[in-house]
Amino acid sequence: MSDVSQAGAIDTLLAEDRRYPPPPEFAAQANAGRELYERDLDELWSAEAGRVTFFEPWQTLCEWEPPAARWYVGGKLNVCFNCVDRHVDAGLGDRVAYHWEGEPDDTENKK
């Protein structure tokens, strides 16, 4: 039997410090730049929470109990509202929200 415990294996994985930089041409077209990775994580994710509408505000940014994490604890949001309705409220209700395109020979009415 191995002398490495299951917990030891998880601890080892949590200590990963290798880096795999992307190819320069991929990095050049990325939406996020190096400055994103230099931000404080709590500040970053608190700011990102402002990009969606919470119906009840979150109380705790993150509860981290490895290997599980709970984000925006106490907050309540509605996925449909955040994906569609808020765009209608912003005056974009005449635009297509979802366009389905199937495989060749698929039709919307196939059952």
C-alpha atoms as a PDB file:
ATOM      1  CA  MET A   1       0.000   0.000   0.000  1.00  0.00           C
ATOM      2  CA  SER A   2       1.214   3.509  -0.806  1.00  0.00           C
ATOM      3  CA  ASP A   3       2.457   5.723   1.995  1.00  0.00           C
ATOM      4  CA  VAL A   4       0.805   8.782   0.360  1.00  0.00           C
ATOM      5  CA  SER A   5      -2.612   9.443   1.834  1.00  0.00           C
ATOM      6  CA  GLN A   6      -5.611  10.605  -0.185  1.00  0.00           C
ATOM      7  CA  ALA A   7      -5.434  13.951   1.627  1.00  0.00           C
ATOM      8  CA  GLY A   8      -1.750  14.214   0.732  1.00  0.00           C
ATOM      9  CA  ALA A   9      -2.574  13.773  -2.938  1.00  0.00           C
ATOM     10  CA  ILE A  10      -5.132  16.572  -2.766  1.00  0.00           C
ATOM     11  CA  ASP A  11      -2.703  18.815  -0.884  1.00  0.00           C
ATOM     12  CA  THR A  12      -0.131  18.198  -3.599  1.00  0.00           C
ATOM     13  CA  LEU A  13      -2.595  19.203  -6.308  1.00  0.00           C
ATOM     14  CA  LEU A  14      -3.530  22.371  -4.434  1.00  0.00           C
ATOM     15  CA  ALA A  15       0.131  23.414  -4.386  1.00  0.00           C
ATOM     16  CA  GLU A  16       0.495  23.467  -8.193  1.00  0.00           C
ATOM     17  CA  ASP A  17       2.772  26.260  -9.346  1.00  0.00           C
ATOM     18  CA  ARG A  18       3.674  25.363 -12.927  1.00  0.00           C
ATOM     19  CA  ARG A  19       2.839  27.926 -15.624  1.00  0.00           C
ATOM     20  CA  TYR A  20       1.926  27.307 -19.248  1.00  0.00           C
ATOM     21  CA  PRO A  21       2.077  30.617 -21.105  1.00  0.00           C
ATOM     22  CA  PRO A  22      -0.097  30.891 -24.208  1.00  0.00           C
ATOM     23  CA  PRO A  23       1.418  31.379 -27.644  1.00  0.00           C
ATOM     24  CA  PRO A  24       1.962  35.123 -28.327  1.00  0.00           C
ATOM     25  CA  GLU A  25      -0.515  35.179 -31.239  1.00  0.00           C
ATOM     26  CA  PHE A  26      -3.227  33.720 -28.992  1.00  0.00           C
ATOM     27  CA  ALA A  27      -2.481  36.198 -26.184  1.00  0.00           C
ATOM     28  CA  ALA A  28      -2.628  39.117 -28.635  1.00  0.00           C
ATOM     29  CA  GLN A  29      -6.282  38.412 -29.486  1.00  0.00           C
ATOM     30  CA  ALA A  30      -7.440  37.602 -25.930  1.00  0.00           C
ATOM     31  CA  ASN A  31     -10.194  39.609 -24.204  1.00  0.00           C
ATOM     32  CA  ALA A  32      -8.231  39.710 -20.942  1.00  0.00           C
ATOM     33  CA  GLY A  33      -4.748  41.121 -20.610  1.00  0.00           C
ATOM     34  CA  ARG A  34      -1.964  40.681 -18.092  1.00  0.00           C
ATOM     35  CA  GLU A  35      -3.426  43.433 -15.873  1.00  0.00           C
ATOM     36  CA  LEU A  36      -6.411  41.197 -15.082  1.00  0.00           C
ATOM     37  CA  TYR A  37      -4.120  38.700 -13.373  1.00  0.00           C
ATOM     38  CA  GLU A  38      -2.465  41.403 -11.313  1.00  0.00           C
ATOM     39  CA  ARG A  39      -5.738  42.433  -9.627  1.00  0.00           C
ATOM     40  CA  ASP A  40      -6.687  41.368  -6.113  1.00  0.00           C
ATOM     41  CA  LEU A  41      -9.071  38.400  -6.430  1.00  0.00           C
ATOM     42  CA  ASP A  42     -11.654  39.729  -3.969  1.00  0.00           C
ATOM     43  CA  GLU A  43     -11.728  43.107  -5.725  1.00  0.00           C
ATOM     44  CA  LEU A  44     -11.911  41.475  -9.161  1.00  0.00           C
ATOM     45  CA  TRP A  45     -14.833  39.165  -8.372  1.00  0.00           C
ATOM     46  CA  SER A  46     -16.686  41.813  -6.374  1.00  0.00           C
ATOM     47  CA  ALA A  47     -16.492  44.064  -9.437  1.00  0.00           C
ATOM     48  CA  GLU A  48     -17.540  41.241 -11.778  1.00  0.00           C
ATOM     49  CA  ALA A  49     -20.666  40.709  -9.668  1.00  0.00           C
ATOM     50  CA  GLY A  50     -21.773  44.133 -10.880  1.00  0.00           C
ATOM     51  CA  ARG A  51     -22.159  42.736 -14.405  1.00  0.00           C
ATOM     52  CA  VAL A  52     -25.266  40.758 -13.428  1.00  0.00           C
ATOM     53  CA  THR A  53     -28.463  41.751 -11.652  1.00  0.00           C
ATOM     54  CA  PHE A  54     -28.938  40.269  -8.202  1.00  0.00           C
ATOM     55  CA  PHE A  55     -32.500  40.278  -6.871  1.00  0.00           C
ATOM     56  CA  GLU A  56     -31.060  39.901  -3.376  1.00  0.00           C
ATOM     57  CA  PRO A  57     -27.504  41.128  -2.807  1.00  0.00           C
ATOM     58  CA  TRP A  58     -24.795  38.676  -1.855  1.00  0.00           C
ATOM     59  CA  GLN A  59     -23.398  38.870   1.670  1.00  0.00           C
ATOM     60  CA  THR A  60     -20.174  36.875   1.370  1.00  0.00           C
ATOM     61  CA  LEU A  61     -18.023  36.855  -1.749  1.00  0.00           C
ATOM     62  CA  CYS A  62     -16.696  33.315  -1.364  1.00  0.00           C
ATOM     63  CA  GLU A  63     -16.799  30.457   1.106  1.00  0.00           C
ATOM     64  CA  TRP A  64     -13.862  28.205   0.310  1.00  0.00           C
ATOM     65  CA  GLU A  65     -13.765  24.775   1.888  1.00  0.00           C
ATOM     66  CA  PRO A  66     -11.533  22.681  -0.398  1.00  0.00           C
ATOM     67  CA  PRO A  67     -12.358  21.213  -2.723  1.00  0.00           C
ATOM     68  CA  ALA A  68     -15.668  23.150  -2.875  1.00  0.00           C
ATOM     69  CA  ALA A  69     -16.312  26.865  -3.203  1.00  0.00           C
ATOM     70  CA  ARG A  70     -19.548  28.847  -2.929  1.00  0.00           C
ATOM     71  CA  TRP A  71     -19.568  32.235  -4.625  1.00  0.00           C
ATOM     72  CA  TYR A  72     -21.767  35.277  -3.908  1.00  0.00           C
ATOM     73  CA  VAL A  73     -23.255  33.575  -0.855  1.00  0.00           C
ATOM     74  CA  GLY A  74     -26.690  34.860   0.118  1.00  0.00           C
ATOM     75  CA  GLY A  75     -27.329  36.463  -3.267  1.00  0.00           C
ATOM     76  CA  LYS A  76     -30.253  35.521  -5.456  1.00  0.00           C
ATOM     77  CA  LEU A  77     -30.424  36.016  -9.172  1.00  0.00           C
ATOM     78  CA  ASN A  78     -32.612  34.932 -12.050  1.00  0.00           C
ATOM     79  CA  VAL A  79     -30.721  33.444 -14.976  1.00  0.00           C
ATOM     80  CA  CYS A  80     -33.450  34.197 -17.525  1.00  0.00           C
ATOM     81  CA  PHE A  81     -33.565  37.837 -16.437  1.00  0.00           C
ATOM     82  CA  ASN A  82     -29.787  38.165 -16.697  1.00  0.00           C
ATOM     83  CA  CYS A  83     -29.608  36.444 -20.090  1.00  0.00           C
ATOM     84  CA  VAL A  84     -32.625  38.022 -21.802  1.00  0.00           C
ATOM     85  CA  ASP A  85     -34.928  40.348 -19.852  1.00  0.00           C
ATOM     86  CA  ARG A  86     -32.355  42.929 -18.799  1.00  0.00           C
ATOM     87  CA  HIS A  87     -31.460  43.452 -22.454  1.00  0.00           C
ATOM     88  CA  VAL A  88     -35.130  44.081 -23.264  1.00  0.00           C
ATOM     89  CA  ASP A  89     -35.264  46.583 -20.384  1.00  0.00           C
ATOM     90  CA  ALA A  90     -32.191  48.283 -21.904  1.00  0.00           C
ATOM     91  CA  GLY A  91     -34.082  48.849 -25.184  1.00  0.00           C
ATOM     92  CA  LEU A  92     -32.721  45.889 -27.132  1.00  0.00           C
ATOM     93  CA  GLY A  93     -36.013  43.949 -27.243  1.00  0.00           C
ATOM     94  CA  ASP A  94     -36.214  44.067 -31.030  1.00  0.00           C
ATOM     95  CA  ARG A  95     -32.959  42.104 -31.433  1.00  0.00           C
ATOM     96  CA  VAL A  96     -32.691  38.319 -31.716  1.00  0.00           C
ATOM     97  CA  ALA A  97     -31.831  36.836 -28.322  1.00  0.00           C
ATOM     98  CA  TYR A  98     -31.292  33.262 -29.435  1.00  0.00           C
ATOM     99  CA  HIS A  99     -30.820  31.874 -32.931  1.00  0.00           C
ATOM    100  CA  TRP A 100     -31.008  28.120 -33.368  1.00  0.00           C
ATOM    101  CA  GLU A 101     -29.243  26.561 -36.302  1.00  0.00           C
ATOM    102  CA  GLY A 102     -29.323  22.803 -36.520  1.00  0.00           C
ATOM    103  CA  GLU A 103     -27.480  20.279 -38.581  1.00  0.00           C
ATOM    104  CA  PRO A 104     -28.209  19.987 -42.313  1.00  0.00           C
ATOM    105  CA  ASP A 105     -31.799  18.775 -42.882  1.00  0.00           C
ATOM    106  CA  ASP A 106     -32.879  19.753 -39.344  1.00  0.00           C
ATOM    107  CA  THR A 107     -35.991  21.862 -39.078  1.00  0.00           C
ATOM    108  CA  GLU A 108     -37.633  23.599 -36.145  1.00  0.00           C
ATOM    109  CA  ASN A 109     -40.797  21.521 -36.527  1.00  0.00           C
ATOM    110  CA  LYS A 110     -39.197  18.073 -36.472  1.00  0.00           C
ATOM    111  CA  LYS A 111     -40.578  15.940 -33.680  1.00  0.00           C
END
